[in-house]
């Protein structure tokens, strides 16, 4: 799992590439989000376009980082949730928990509208 970070107008964009299946990737993701929240970055987009498969560990990690961001007074949204990952979100009803957007640009537009 590779994580690419980009900051655009006080919004962190984390792009994941690879399958999200457990350690050590889940720890790396939690540490990255904790670091962003500690640095007072309250708006985070996770781009899942490079993730083809995710298991329960991956889902648990996303829920964990969502909680971390919310407890820090911020907001986390997902972009480019597709294929098998989208089906997993539908089956688990996590589509009701996470705000999801078709593209990173739409997710960024959401944050620009929610100043």
PDB file of N, CA and C in Angstrom:
ATOM      1  N   UNK A   1       0.852  -1.186   0.000  1.00  0.00           N
ATOM      2  CA  UNK A   1       0.000   0.000   0.000  1.00  0.00           C
ATOM      3  C   UNK A   1       0.888   1.237   0.000  1.00  0.00           C
ATOM      4  N   UNK A   2       0.649   2.089  -0.969  1.00  0.00           N
ATOM      5  CA  UNK A   2       1.339   3.375  -1.026  1.00  0.00           C
ATOM      6  C   UNK A   2       0.342   4.468  -0.668  1.00  0.00           C
ATOM      7  N   UNK A   3       0.815   5.462   0.075  1.00  0.00           N
ATOM      8  CA  UNK A   3      -0.017   6.610   0.435  1.00  0.00           C
ATOM      9  C   UNK A   3       0.690   7.858  -0.064  1.00  0.00           C
ATOM     10  N   UNK A   4       0.003   8.594  -0.925  1.00  0.00           N
ATOM     11  CA  UNK A   4       0.534   9.848  -1.435  1.00  0.00           C
ATOM     12  C   UNK A   4      -0.260  10.979  -0.790  1.00  0.00           C
ATOM     13  N   UNK A   5       0.457  11.972  -0.261  1.00  0.00           N
ATOM     14  CA  UNK A   5      -0.202  13.091   0.413  1.00  0.00           C
ATOM     15  C   UNK A   5       0.003  14.368  -0.366  1.00  0.00           C
ATOM     16  N   UNK A   6      -1.077  15.143  -0.470  1.00  0.00           N
ATOM     17  CA  UNK A   6      -1.019  16.445  -1.127  1.00  0.00           C
ATOM     18  C   UNK A   6      -1.926  17.388  -0.335  1.00  0.00           C
ATOM     19  N   UNK A   7      -1.458  18.594  -0.092  1.00  0.00           N
ATOM     20  CA  UNK A   7      -2.271  19.592   0.604  1.00  0.00           C
ATOM     21  C   UNK A   7      -2.693  20.637  -0.425  1.00  0.00           C
ATOM     22  N   UNK A   8      -3.983  20.861  -0.505  1.00  0.00           N
ATOM     23  CA  UNK A   8      -4.521  21.831  -1.455  1.00  0.00           C
ATOM     24  C   UNK A   8      -5.525  22.711  -0.735  1.00  0.00           C
ATOM     25  N   UNK A   9      -5.182  23.981  -0.551  1.00  0.00           N
ATOM     26  CA  UNK A   9      -6.053  24.951   0.128  1.00  0.00           C
ATOM     27  C   UNK A   9      -6.535  24.421   1.475  1.00  0.00           C
ATOM     28  N   UNK A  10      -5.630  24.006   2.318  1.00  0.00           N
ATOM     29  CA  UNK A  10      -5.873  23.497   3.673  1.00  0.00           C
ATOM     30  C   UNK A  10      -6.673  22.190   3.722  1.00  0.00           C
ATOM     31  N   UNK A  11      -6.774  21.511   2.585  1.00  0.00           N
ATOM     32  CA  UNK A  11      -7.408  20.188   2.539  1.00  0.00           C
ATOM     33  C   UNK A  11      -6.329  19.167   2.200  1.00  0.00           C
ATOM     34  N   UNK A  12      -6.231  18.131   3.026  1.00  0.00           N
ATOM     35  CA  UNK A  12      -5.277  17.058   2.751  1.00  0.00           C
ATOM     36  C   UNK A  12      -5.937  16.029   1.844  1.00  0.00           C
ATOM     37  N   UNK A  13      -5.231  15.660   0.789  1.00  0.00           N
ATOM     38  CA  UNK A  13      -5.709  14.613  -0.116  1.00  0.00           C
ATOM     39  C   UNK A  13      -4.752  13.437   0.032  1.00  0.00           C
ATOM     40  N   UNK A  14      -5.279  12.329   0.516  1.00  0.00           N
ATOM     41  CA  UNK A  14      -4.486  11.112   0.661  1.00  0.00           C
ATOM     42  C   UNK A  14      -4.925  10.138  -0.427  1.00  0.00           C
ATOM     43  N   UNK A  15      -4.001   9.781  -1.302  1.00  0.00           N
ATOM     44  CA  UNK A  15      -4.298   8.851  -2.380  1.00  0.00           C
ATOM     45  C   UNK A  15      -3.690   7.501  -2.036  1.00  0.00           C
ATOM     46  N   UNK A  16      -4.546   6.496  -1.973  1.00  0.00           N
ATOM     47  CA  UNK A  16      -4.100   5.140  -1.643  1.00  0.00           C
ATOM     48  C   UNK A  16      -3.921   4.343  -2.922  1.00  0.00           C
ATOM     49  N   UNK A  17      -2.858   3.551  -2.968  1.00  0.00           N
ATOM     50  CA  UNK A  17      -2.632   2.662  -4.100  1.00  0.00           C
ATOM     51  C   UNK A  17      -2.253   1.291  -3.559  1.00  0.00           C
ATOM     52  N   UNK A  18      -3.039   0.284  -3.892  1.00  0.00           N
ATOM     53  CA  UNK A  18      -2.813  -1.070  -3.400  1.00  0.00           C
ATOM     54  C   UNK A  18      -4.046  -1.561  -2.655  1.00  0.00           C
ATOM     55  N   UNK A  19      -4.018  -2.811  -2.250  1.00  0.00           N
ATOM     56  CA  UNK A  19      -5.142  -3.373  -1.501  1.00  0.00           C
ATOM     57  C   UNK A  19      -5.011  -3.014  -0.027  1.00  0.00           C
ATOM     58  N   UNK A  20      -6.148  -2.773   0.601  1.00  0.00           N
ATOM     59  CA  UNK A  20      -6.182  -2.386   2.011  1.00  0.00           C
ATOM     60  C   UNK A  20      -6.630  -3.596   2.827  1.00  0.00           C
ATOM     61  N   UNK A  21      -5.634  -4.366   3.312  1.00  0.00           N
ATOM     62  CA  UNK A  21      -5.931  -5.669   3.907  1.00  0.00           C
ATOM     63  C   UNK A  21      -5.468  -5.840   5.346  1.00  0.00           C
ATOM     64  N   UNK A  22      -4.772  -4.916   5.914  1.00  0.00           N
ATOM     65  CA  UNK A  22      -4.319  -5.102   7.296  1.00  0.00           C
ATOM     66  C   UNK A  22      -2.933  -4.530   7.516  1.00  0.00           C
ATOM     67  N   UNK A  23      -2.261  -5.053   8.528  1.00  0.00           N
ATOM     68  CA  UNK A  23      -0.932  -4.565   8.897  1.00  0.00           C
ATOM     69  C   UNK A  23       0.083  -4.836   7.797  1.00  0.00           C
ATOM     70  N   UNK A  24       1.078  -3.989   7.621  1.00  0.00           N
ATOM     71  CA  UNK A  24       1.354  -2.748   8.356  1.00  0.00           C
ATOM     72  C   UNK A  24       0.631  -1.544   7.756  1.00  0.00           C
ATOM     73  N   UNK A  25      -0.120  -1.757   6.686  1.00  0.00           N
ATOM     74  CA  UNK A  25      -0.767  -0.636   5.984  1.00  0.00           C
ATOM     75  C   UNK A  25      -1.763   0.106   6.864  1.00  0.00           C
ATOM     76  N   UNK A  26      -2.543  -0.626   7.648  1.00  0.00           N
ATOM     77  CA  UNK A  26      -3.564   0.031   8.460  1.00  0.00           C
ATOM     78  C   UNK A  26      -2.929   0.938   9.512  1.00  0.00           C
ATOM     79  N   UNK A  27      -1.813   0.509  10.080  1.00  0.00           N
ATOM     80  CA  UNK A  27      -1.099   1.347  11.053  1.00  0.00           C
ATOM     81  C   UNK A  27      -0.562   2.606  10.374  1.00  0.00           C
ATOM     82  N   UNK A  28      -0.019   2.441   9.172  1.00  0.00           N
ATOM     83  CA  UNK A  28       0.528   3.577   8.424  1.00  0.00           C
ATOM     84  C   UNK A  28      -0.568   4.614   8.151  1.00  0.00           C
ATOM     85  N   UNK A  29      -1.762   4.151   7.807  1.00  0.00           N
ATOM     86  CA  UNK A  29      -2.885   5.057   7.525  1.00  0.00           C
ATOM     87  C   UNK A  29      -3.314   5.791   8.792  1.00  0.00           C
ATOM     88  N   UNK A  30      -3.467   5.041   9.887  1.00  0.00           N
ATOM     89  CA  UNK A  30      -3.869   5.685  11.150  1.00  0.00           C
ATOM     90  C   UNK A  30      -2.838   6.727  11.588  1.00  0.00           C
ATOM     91  N   UNK A  31      -1.557   6.388  11.482  1.00  0.00           N
ATOM     92  CA  UNK A  31      -0.503   7.341  11.868  1.00  0.00           C
ATOM     93  C   UNK A  31      -0.521   8.583  10.991  1.00  0.00           C
ATOM     94  N   UNK A  32      -0.736   8.408   9.695  1.00  0.00           N
ATOM     95  CA  UNK A  32      -0.778   9.547   8.770  1.00  0.00           C
ATOM     96  C   UNK A  32      -1.930  10.482   9.136  1.00  0.00           C
ATOM     97  N   UNK A  33      -3.111   9.932   9.391  1.00  0.00           N
ATOM     98  CA  UNK A  33      -4.276  10.766   9.723  1.00  0.00           C
ATOM     99  C   UNK A  33      -4.084  11.433  11.089  1.00  0.00           C
ATOM    100  N   UNK A  34      -3.567  10.712  12.072  1.00  0.00           N
ATOM    101  CA  UNK A  34      -3.286  11.316  13.384  1.00  0.00           C
ATOM    102  C   UNK A  34      -2.327  12.488  13.224  1.00  0.00           C
ATOM    103  N   UNK A  35      -1.314  12.330  12.384  1.00  0.00           N
ATOM    104  CA  UNK A  35      -0.343  13.386  12.140  1.00  0.00           C
ATOM    105  C   UNK A  35      -1.010  14.621  11.527  1.00  0.00           C
ATOM    106  N   UNK A  36      -1.895  14.403  10.570  1.00  0.00           N
ATOM    107  CA  UNK A  36      -2.602  15.525   9.939  1.00  0.00           C
ATOM    108  C   UNK A  36      -3.469  16.270  10.955  1.00  0.00           C
ATOM    109  N   UNK A  37      -4.207  15.522  11.750  1.00  0.00           N
ATOM    110  CA  UNK A  37      -5.083  16.143  12.754  1.00  0.00           C
ATOM    111  C   UNK A  37      -4.233  16.902  13.787  1.00  0.00           C
ATOM    112  N   UNK A  38      -3.104  16.318  14.172  1.00  0.00           N
ATOM    113  CA  UNK A  38      -2.187  16.989  15.109  1.00  0.00           C
ATOM    114  C   UNK A  38      -1.646  18.286  14.529  1.00  0.00           C
ATOM    115  N   UNK A  39      -1.466  18.306  13.203  1.00  0.00           N
ATOM    116  CA  UNK A  39      -0.990  19.510  12.519  1.00  0.00           C
ATOM    117  C   UNK A  39      -2.125  20.481  12.211  1.00  0.00           C
ATOM    118  N   UNK A  40      -3.292  20.223  12.798  1.00  0.00           N
ATOM    119  CA  UNK A  40      -4.467  21.084  12.656  1.00  0.00           C
ATOM    120  C   UNK A  40      -5.028  21.118  11.239  1.00  0.00           C
ATOM    121  N   UNK A  41      -4.840  20.045  10.506  1.00  0.00           N
ATOM    122  CA  UNK A  41      -5.480  19.915   9.191  1.00  0.00           C
ATOM    123  C   UNK A  41      -6.773  19.159   9.432  1.00  0.00           C
ATOM    124  N   UNK A  42      -7.893  19.861   9.258  1.00  0.00           N
ATOM    125  CA  UNK A  42      -9.191  19.341   9.676  1.00  0.00           C
ATOM    126  C   UNK A  42     -10.029  18.793   8.518  1.00  0.00           C
ATOM    127  N   UNK A  43      -9.573  19.009   7.297  1.00  0.00           N
ATOM    128  CA  UNK A  43     -10.345  18.546   6.137  1.00  0.00           C
ATOM    129  C   UNK A  43      -9.493  17.539   5.375  1.00  0.00           C
ATOM    130  N   UNK A  44     -10.009  16.320   5.246  1.00  0.00           N
ATOM    131  CA  UNK A  44      -9.242  15.251   4.621  1.00  0.00           C
ATOM    132  C   UNK A  44     -10.091  14.520   3.588  1.00  0.00           C
ATOM    133  N   UNK A  45      -9.499  14.338   2.412  1.00  0.00           N
ATOM    134  CA  UNK A  45     -10.109  13.530   1.349  1.00  0.00           C
ATOM    135  C   UNK A  45      -9.245  12.288   1.195  1.00  0.00           C
ATOM    136  N   UNK A  46      -9.868  11.122   1.234  1.00  0.00           N
ATOM    137  CA  UNK A  46      -9.157   9.878   0.944  1.00  0.00           C
ATOM    138  C   UNK A  46      -9.608   9.409  -0.430  1.00  0.00           C
ATOM    139  N   UNK A  47      -8.652   9.374  -1.351  1.00  0.00           N
ATOM    140  CA  UNK A  47      -8.897   8.953  -2.729  1.00  0.00           C
ATOM    141  C   UNK A  47      -8.634   7.448  -2.821  1.00  0.00           C
ATOM    142  N   UNK A  48      -9.700   6.695  -3.074  1.00  0.00           N
ATOM    143  CA  UNK A  48      -9.591   5.236  -3.116  1.00  0.00           C
ATOM    144  C   UNK A  48      -9.516   4.692  -4.546  1.00  0.00           C
ATOM    145  N   UNK A  49      -9.193   5.547  -5.512  1.00  0.00           N
ATOM    146  CA  UNK A  49      -9.170   5.105  -6.916  1.00  0.00           C
ATOM    147  C   UNK A  49      -8.155   3.987  -7.158  1.00  0.00           C
ATOM    148  N   UNK A  50      -7.092   3.932  -6.355  1.00  0.00           N
ATOM    149  CA  UNK A  50      -6.068   2.911  -6.550  1.00  0.00           C
ATOM    150  C   UNK A  50      -6.263   1.672  -5.696  1.00  0.00           C
ATOM    151  N   UNK A  51      -7.424   1.578  -5.016  1.00  0.00           N
ATOM    152  CA  UNK A  51      -7.700   0.431  -4.146  1.00  0.00           C
ATOM    153  C   UNK A  51      -8.708  -0.474  -4.844  1.00  0.00           C
ATOM    154  N   UNK A  52      -8.286  -1.697  -5.139  1.00  0.00           N
ATOM    155  CA  UNK A  52      -9.177  -2.654  -5.800  1.00  0.00           C
ATOM    156  C   UNK A  52      -9.894  -3.562  -4.820  1.00  0.00           C
ATOM    157  N   UNK A  53      -9.268  -3.795  -3.676  1.00  0.00           N
ATOM    158  CA  UNK A  53      -9.868  -4.702  -2.705  1.00  0.00           C
ATOM    159  C   UNK A  53      -9.583  -4.226  -1.291  1.00  0.00           C
ATOM    160  N   UNK A  54     -10.569  -4.449  -0.416  1.00  0.00           N
ATOM    161  CA  UNK A  54     -10.455  -4.058   0.982  1.00  0.00           C
ATOM    162  C   UNK A  54     -11.160  -5.124   1.806  1.00  0.00           C
ATOM    163  N   UNK A  55     -10.572  -5.491   2.945  1.00  0.00           N
ATOM    164  CA  UNK A  55     -11.232  -6.455   3.822  1.00  0.00           C
ATOM    165  C   UNK A  55     -11.730  -5.753   5.088  1.00  0.00           C
ATOM    166  N   UNK A  56     -12.135  -6.539   6.084  1.00  0.00           N
ATOM    167  CA  UNK A  56     -12.686  -5.951   7.307  1.00  0.00           C
ATOM    168  C   UNK A  56     -11.656  -5.104   8.055  1.00  0.00           C
ATOM    169  N   UNK A  57     -10.378  -5.468   7.975  1.00  0.00           N
ATOM    170  CA  UNK A  57      -9.329  -4.645   8.604  1.00  0.00           C
ATOM    171  C   UNK A  57      -9.272  -3.270   7.949  1.00  0.00           C
ATOM    172  N   UNK A  58      -9.353  -3.244   6.626  1.00  0.00           N
ATOM    173  CA  UNK A  58      -9.354  -1.977   5.899  1.00  0.00           C
ATOM    174  C   UNK A  58     -10.553  -1.125   6.255  1.00  0.00           C
ATOM    175  N   UNK A  59     -11.727  -1.752   6.321  1.00  0.00           N
ATOM    176  CA  UNK A  59     -12.939  -1.017   6.698  1.00  0.00           C
ATOM    177  C   UNK A  59     -12.816  -0.469   8.122  1.00  0.00           C
ATOM    178  N   UNK A  60     -12.310  -1.299   9.022  1.00  0.00           N
ATOM    179  CA  UNK A  60     -12.131  -0.860  10.406  1.00  0.00           C
ATOM    180  C   UNK A  60     -11.183   0.324  10.512  1.00  0.00           C
ATOM    181  N   UNK A  61     -10.150   0.314   9.694  1.00  0.00           N
ATOM    182  CA  UNK A  61      -9.193   1.418   9.688  1.00  0.00           C
ATOM    183  C   UNK A  61      -9.856   2.707   9.212  1.00  0.00           C
ATOM    184  N   UNK A  62     -10.662   2.613   8.153  1.00  0.00           N
ATOM    185  CA  UNK A  62     -11.355   3.814   7.669  1.00  0.00           C
ATOM    186  C   UNK A  62     -12.315   4.362   8.728  1.00  0.00           C
ATOM    187  N   UNK A  63     -13.009   3.467   9.431  1.00  0.00           N
ATOM    188  CA  UNK A  63     -13.905   3.911  10.502  1.00  0.00           C
ATOM    189  C   UNK A  63     -13.097   4.557  11.626  1.00  0.00           C
ATOM    190  N   UNK A  64     -11.961   3.976  11.955  1.00  0.00           N
ATOM    191  CA  UNK A  64     -11.089   4.517  12.999  1.00  0.00           C
ATOM    192  C   UNK A  64     -10.597   5.921  12.650  1.00  0.00           C
ATOM    193  N   UNK A  65     -10.138   6.114  11.410  1.00  0.00           N
ATOM    194  CA  UNK A  65      -9.630   7.443  11.041  1.00  0.00           C
ATOM    195  C   UNK A  65     -10.764   8.461  10.924  1.00  0.00           C
ATOM    196  N   UNK A  66     -11.959   8.003  10.516  1.00  0.00           N
ATOM    197  CA  UNK A  66     -13.114   8.901  10.487  1.00  0.00           C
ATOM    198  C   UNK A  66     -13.401   9.408  11.903  1.00  0.00           C
ATOM    199  N   UNK A  67     -13.370   8.505  12.879  1.00  0.00           N
ATOM    200  CA  UNK A  67     -13.600   8.870  14.281  1.00  0.00           C
ATOM    201  C   UNK A  67     -12.523   9.832  14.773  1.00  0.00           C
ATOM    202  N   UNK A  68     -11.276   9.562  14.435  1.00  0.00           N
ATOM    203  CA  UNK A  68     -10.158  10.433  14.830  1.00  0.00           C
ATOM    204  C   UNK A  68     -10.366  11.847  14.311  1.00  0.00           C
ATOM    205  N   UNK A  69     -10.719  11.952  13.037  1.00  0.00           N
ATOM    206  CA  UNK A  69     -10.905  13.268  12.413  1.00  0.00           C
ATOM    207  C   UNK A  69     -12.103  13.988  13.033  1.00  0.00           C
ATOM    208  N   UNK A  70     -13.213  13.282  13.214  1.00  0.00           N
ATOM    209  CA  UNK A  70     -14.398  13.908  13.807  1.00  0.00           C
ATOM    210  C   UNK A  70     -14.128  14.366  15.235  1.00  0.00           C
ATOM    211  N   UNK A  71     -13.437  13.525  16.012  1.00  0.00           N
ATOM    212  CA  UNK A  71     -13.103  13.904  17.393  1.00  0.00           C
ATOM    213  C   UNK A  71     -12.166  15.099  17.438  1.00  0.00           C
ATOM    214  N   UNK A  72     -11.392  15.295  16.379  1.00  0.00           N
ATOM    215  CA  UNK A  72     -10.498  16.445  16.278  1.00  0.00           C
ATOM    216  C   UNK A  72     -11.188  17.676  15.713  1.00  0.00           C
ATOM    217  N   UNK A  73     -12.496  17.582  15.497  1.00  0.00           N
ATOM    218  CA  UNK A  73     -13.256  18.720  14.989  1.00  0.00           C
ATOM    219  C   UNK A  73     -13.191  18.876  13.484  1.00  0.00           C
ATOM    220  N   UNK A  74     -12.793  17.816  12.789  1.00  0.00           N
ATOM    221  CA  UNK A  74     -12.641  17.900  11.343  1.00  0.00           C
ATOM    222  C   UNK A  74     -13.650  17.058  10.590  1.00  0.00           C
ATOM    223  N   UNK A  75     -13.398  16.931   9.297  1.00  0.00           N
ATOM    224  CA  UNK A  75     -14.287  16.173   8.427  1.00  0.00           C
ATOM    225  C   UNK A  75     -13.456  15.364   7.443  1.00  0.00           C
ATOM    226  N   UNK A  76     -13.852  14.112   7.241  1.00  0.00           N
ATOM    227  CA  UNK A  76     -13.182  13.221   6.315  1.00  0.00           C
ATOM    228  C   UNK A  76     -14.199  12.730   5.295  1.00  0.00           C
ATOM    229  N   UNK A  77     -13.818  12.791   4.023  1.00  0.00           N
ATOM    230  CA  UNK A  77     -14.682  12.277   2.965  1.00  0.00           C
ATOM    231  C   UNK A  77     -13.878  11.334   2.079  1.00  0.00           C
ATOM    232  N   UNK A  78     -14.589  10.488   1.360  1.00  0.00           N
ATOM    233  CA  UNK A  78     -13.959   9.534   0.447  1.00  0.00           C
ATOM    234  C   UNK A  78     -14.262   9.920  -0.986  1.00  0.00           C
ATOM    235  N   UNK A  79     -13.317   9.644  -1.873  1.00  0.00           N
ATOM    236  CA  UNK A  79     -13.514   9.915  -3.304  1.00  0.00           C
ATOM    237  C   UNK A  79     -13.115   8.672  -4.096  1.00  0.00           C
ATOM    238  N   UNK A  80     -13.720   8.541  -5.268  1.00  0.00           N
ATOM    239  CA  UNK A  80     -13.383   7.459  -6.200  1.00  0.00           C
ATOM    240  C   UNK A  80     -13.545   6.073  -5.584  1.00  0.00           C
ATOM    241  N   UNK A  81     -14.665   5.866  -4.890  1.00  0.00           N
ATOM    242  CA  UNK A  81     -14.945   4.539  -4.325  1.00  0.00           C
ATOM    243  C   UNK A  81     -15.628   3.741  -5.431  1.00  0.00           C
ATOM    244  N   UNK A  82     -14.945   2.721  -5.916  1.00  0.00           N
ATOM    245  CA  UNK A  82     -15.523   1.993  -7.049  1.00  0.00           C
ATOM    246  C   UNK A  82     -15.397   0.494  -6.922  1.00  0.00           C
ATOM    247  N   UNK A  83     -16.034  -0.190  -7.865  1.00  0.00           N
ATOM    248  CA  UNK A  83     -15.897  -1.636  -8.006  1.00  0.00           C
ATOM    249  C   UNK A  83     -16.241  -2.412  -6.760  1.00  0.00           C
ATOM    250  N   UNK A  84     -15.336  -3.333  -6.400  1.00  0.00           N
ATOM    251  CA  UNK A  84     -15.548  -4.217  -5.250  1.00  0.00           C
ATOM    252  C   UNK A  84     -15.634  -3.434  -3.947  1.00  0.00           C
ATOM    253  N   UNK A  85     -14.876  -2.348  -3.857  1.00  0.00           N
ATOM    254  CA  UNK A  85     -14.897  -1.543  -2.631  1.00  0.00           C
ATOM    255  C   UNK A  85     -16.270  -0.887  -2.469  1.00  0.00           C
ATOM    256  N   UNK A  86     -16.840  -0.384  -3.553  1.00  0.00           N
ATOM    257  CA  UNK A  86     -18.180   0.209  -3.504  1.00  0.00           C
ATOM    258  C   UNK A  86     -19.204  -0.836  -3.065  1.00  0.00           C
ATOM    259  N   UNK A  87     -19.112  -2.047  -3.604  1.00  0.00           N
ATOM    260  CA  UNK A  87     -20.026  -3.120  -3.211  1.00  0.00           C
ATOM    261  C   UNK A  87     -19.907  -3.422  -1.719  1.00  0.00           C
ATOM    262  N   UNK A  88     -18.686  -3.428  -1.213  1.00  0.00           N
ATOM    263  CA  UNK A  88     -18.444  -3.669   0.209  1.00  0.00           C
ATOM    264  C   UNK A  88     -19.099  -2.582   1.059  1.00  0.00           C
ATOM    265  N   UNK A  89     -19.002  -1.343   0.617  1.00  0.00           N
ATOM    266  CA  UNK A  89     -19.624  -0.234   1.342  1.00  0.00           C
ATOM    267  C   UNK A  89     -21.148  -0.352   1.328  1.00  0.00           C
ATOM    268  N   UNK A  90     -21.702  -0.822   0.229  1.00  0.00           N
ATOM    269  CA  UNK A  90     -23.149  -1.005   0.145  1.00  0.00           C
ATOM    270  C   UNK A  90     -23.615  -2.144   1.053  1.00  0.00           C
ATOM    271  N   UNK A  91     -22.925  -3.272   1.003  1.00  0.00           N
ATOM    272  CA  UNK A  91     -23.296  -4.439   1.806  1.00  0.00           C
ATOM    273  C   UNK A  91     -23.220  -4.128   3.295  1.00  0.00           C
ATOM    274  N   UNK A  92     -22.178  -3.431   3.708  1.00  0.00           N
ATOM    275  CA  UNK A  92     -21.973  -3.121   5.130  1.00  0.00           C
ATOM    276  C   UNK A  92     -22.737  -1.877   5.584  1.00  0.00           C
ATOM    277  N   UNK A  93     -23.417  -1.221   4.659  1.00  0.00           N
ATOM    278  CA  UNK A  93     -24.171   0.002   4.944  1.00  0.00           C
ATOM    279  C   UNK A  93     -23.280   1.179   5.342  1.00  0.00           C
ATOM    280  N   UNK A  94     -21.979   1.081   5.050  1.00  0.00           N
ATOM    281  CA  UNK A  94     -21.079   2.194   5.374  1.00  0.00           C
ATOM    282  C   UNK A  94     -21.293   3.392   4.455  1.00  0.00           C
ATOM    283  N   UNK A  95     -22.067   3.217   3.398  1.00  0.00           N
ATOM    284  CA  UNK A  95     -22.411   4.364   2.546  1.00  0.00           C
ATOM    285  C   UNK A  95     -23.207   5.389   3.343  1.00  0.00           C
ATOM    286  N   UNK A  96     -23.834   4.941   4.443  1.00  0.00           N
ATOM    287  CA  UNK A  96     -24.592   5.854   5.299  1.00  0.00           C
ATOM    288  C   UNK A  96     -23.689   6.567   6.308  1.00  0.00           C
ATOM    289  N   UNK A  97     -22.479   6.034   6.509  1.00  0.00           N
ATOM    290  CA  UNK A  97     -21.554   6.583   7.501  1.00  0.00           C
ATOM    291  C   UNK A  97     -20.590   7.583   6.871  1.00  0.00           C
ATOM    292  N   UNK A  98     -20.118   7.266   5.671  1.00  0.00           N
ATOM    293  CA  UNK A  98     -19.115   8.093   4.988  1.00  0.00           C
ATOM    294  C   UNK A  98     -19.759   8.962   3.916  1.00  0.00           C
ATOM    295  N   UNK A  99     -19.278  10.205   3.807  1.00  0.00           N
ATOM    296  CA  UNK A  99     -19.626  11.045   2.667  1.00  0.00           C
ATOM    297  C   UNK A  99     -18.701  10.622   1.533  1.00  0.00           C
ATOM    298  N   UNK A 100     -19.272  10.258   0.392  1.00  0.00           N
ATOM    299  CA  UNK A 100     -18.457   9.817  -0.742  1.00  0.00           C
ATOM    300  C   UNK A 100     -18.743  10.688  -1.963  1.00  0.00           C
ATOM    301  N   UNK A 101     -17.707  10.875  -2.756  1.00  0.00           N
ATOM    302  CA  UNK A 101     -17.800  11.694  -3.969  1.00  0.00           C
ATOM    303  C   UNK A 101     -17.190  10.935  -5.134  1.00  0.00           C
ATOM    304  N   UNK A 102     -17.704  11.202  -6.328  1.00  0.00           N
ATOM    305  CA  UNK A 102     -17.252  10.492  -7.526  1.00  0.00           C
ATOM    306  C   UNK A 102     -15.796  10.796  -7.851  1.00  0.00           C
ATOM    307  N   UNK A 103     -15.369  12.025  -7.568  1.00  0.00           N
ATOM    308  CA  UNK A 103     -14.002  12.436  -7.896  1.00  0.00           C
ATOM    309  C   UNK A 103     -13.414  13.253  -6.746  1.00  0.00           C
ATOM    310  N   UNK A 104     -12.102  13.405  -6.764  1.00  0.00           N
ATOM    311  CA  UNK A 104     -11.427  14.247  -5.777  1.00  0.00           C
ATOM    312  C   UNK A 104     -11.872  15.698  -5.955  1.00  0.00           C
ATOM    313  N   UNK A 105     -12.038  16.141  -7.194  1.00  0.00           N
ATOM    314  CA  UNK A 105     -12.465  17.524  -7.444  1.00  0.00           C
ATOM    315  C   UNK A 105     -13.817  17.816  -6.799  1.00  0.00           C
ATOM    316  N   UNK A 106     -14.735  16.859  -6.879  1.00  0.00           N
ATOM    317  CA  UNK A 106     -16.050  17.065  -6.250  1.00  0.00           C
ATOM    318  C   UNK A 106     -15.926  17.093  -4.728  1.00  0.00           C
ATOM    319  N   UNK A 107     -15.053  16.259  -4.192  1.00  0.00           N
ATOM    320  CA  UNK A 107     -14.825  16.271  -2.744  1.00  0.00           C
ATOM    321  C   UNK A 107     -14.241  17.608  -2.304  1.00  0.00           C
ATOM    322  N   UNK A 108     -13.285  18.134  -3.093  1.00  0.00           N
ATOM    323  CA  UNK A 108     -12.708  19.445  -2.788  1.00  0.00           C
ATOM    324  C   UNK A 108     -13.757  20.539  -2.876  1.00  0.00           C
ATOM    325  N   UNK A 109     -14.642  20.447  -3.864  1.00  0.00           N
ATOM    326  CA  UNK A 109     -15.719  21.433  -4.029  1.00  0.00           C
ATOM    327  C   UNK A 109     -16.642  21.406  -2.799  1.00  0.00           C
ATOM    328  N   UNK A 110     -16.853  20.233  -2.246  1.00  0.00           N
ATOM    329  CA  UNK A 110     -17.661  20.103  -1.022  1.00  0.00           C
ATOM    330  C   UNK A 110     -17.037  20.935   0.093  1.00  0.00           C
ATOM    331  N   UNK A 111     -15.717  20.832   0.271  1.00  0.00           N
ATOM    332  CA  UNK A 111     -15.045  21.570   1.338  1.00  0.00           C
ATOM    333  C   UNK A 111     -15.040  23.067   1.052  1.00  0.00           C
ATOM    334  N   UNK A 112     -14.935  23.457  -0.197  1.00  0.00           N
ATOM    335  CA  UNK A 112     -14.958  24.893  -0.526  1.00  0.00           C
ATOM    336  C   UNK A 112     -16.326  25.485  -0.210  1.00  0.00           C
ATOM    337  N   UNK A 113     -17.365  24.668  -0.389  1.00  0.00           N
ATOM    338  CA  UNK A 113     -18.734  25.134  -0.082  1.00  0.00           C
ATOM    339  C   UNK A 113     -19.039  25.129   1.402  1.00  0.00           C
ATOM    340  N   UNK A 114     -18.230  24.399   2.192  1.00  0.00           N
ATOM    341  CA  UNK A 114     -18.493  24.257   3.643  1.00  0.00           C
ATOM    342  C   UNK A 114     -17.459  25.008   4.465  1.00  0.00           C
ATOM    343  N   UNK A 115     -17.239  26.260   4.139  1.00  0.00           N
ATOM    344  CA  UNK A 115     -16.210  27.046   4.857  1.00  0.00           C
ATOM    345  C   UNK A 115     -16.690  27.451   6.226  1.00  0.00           C
TER     346      UNK A 115
END
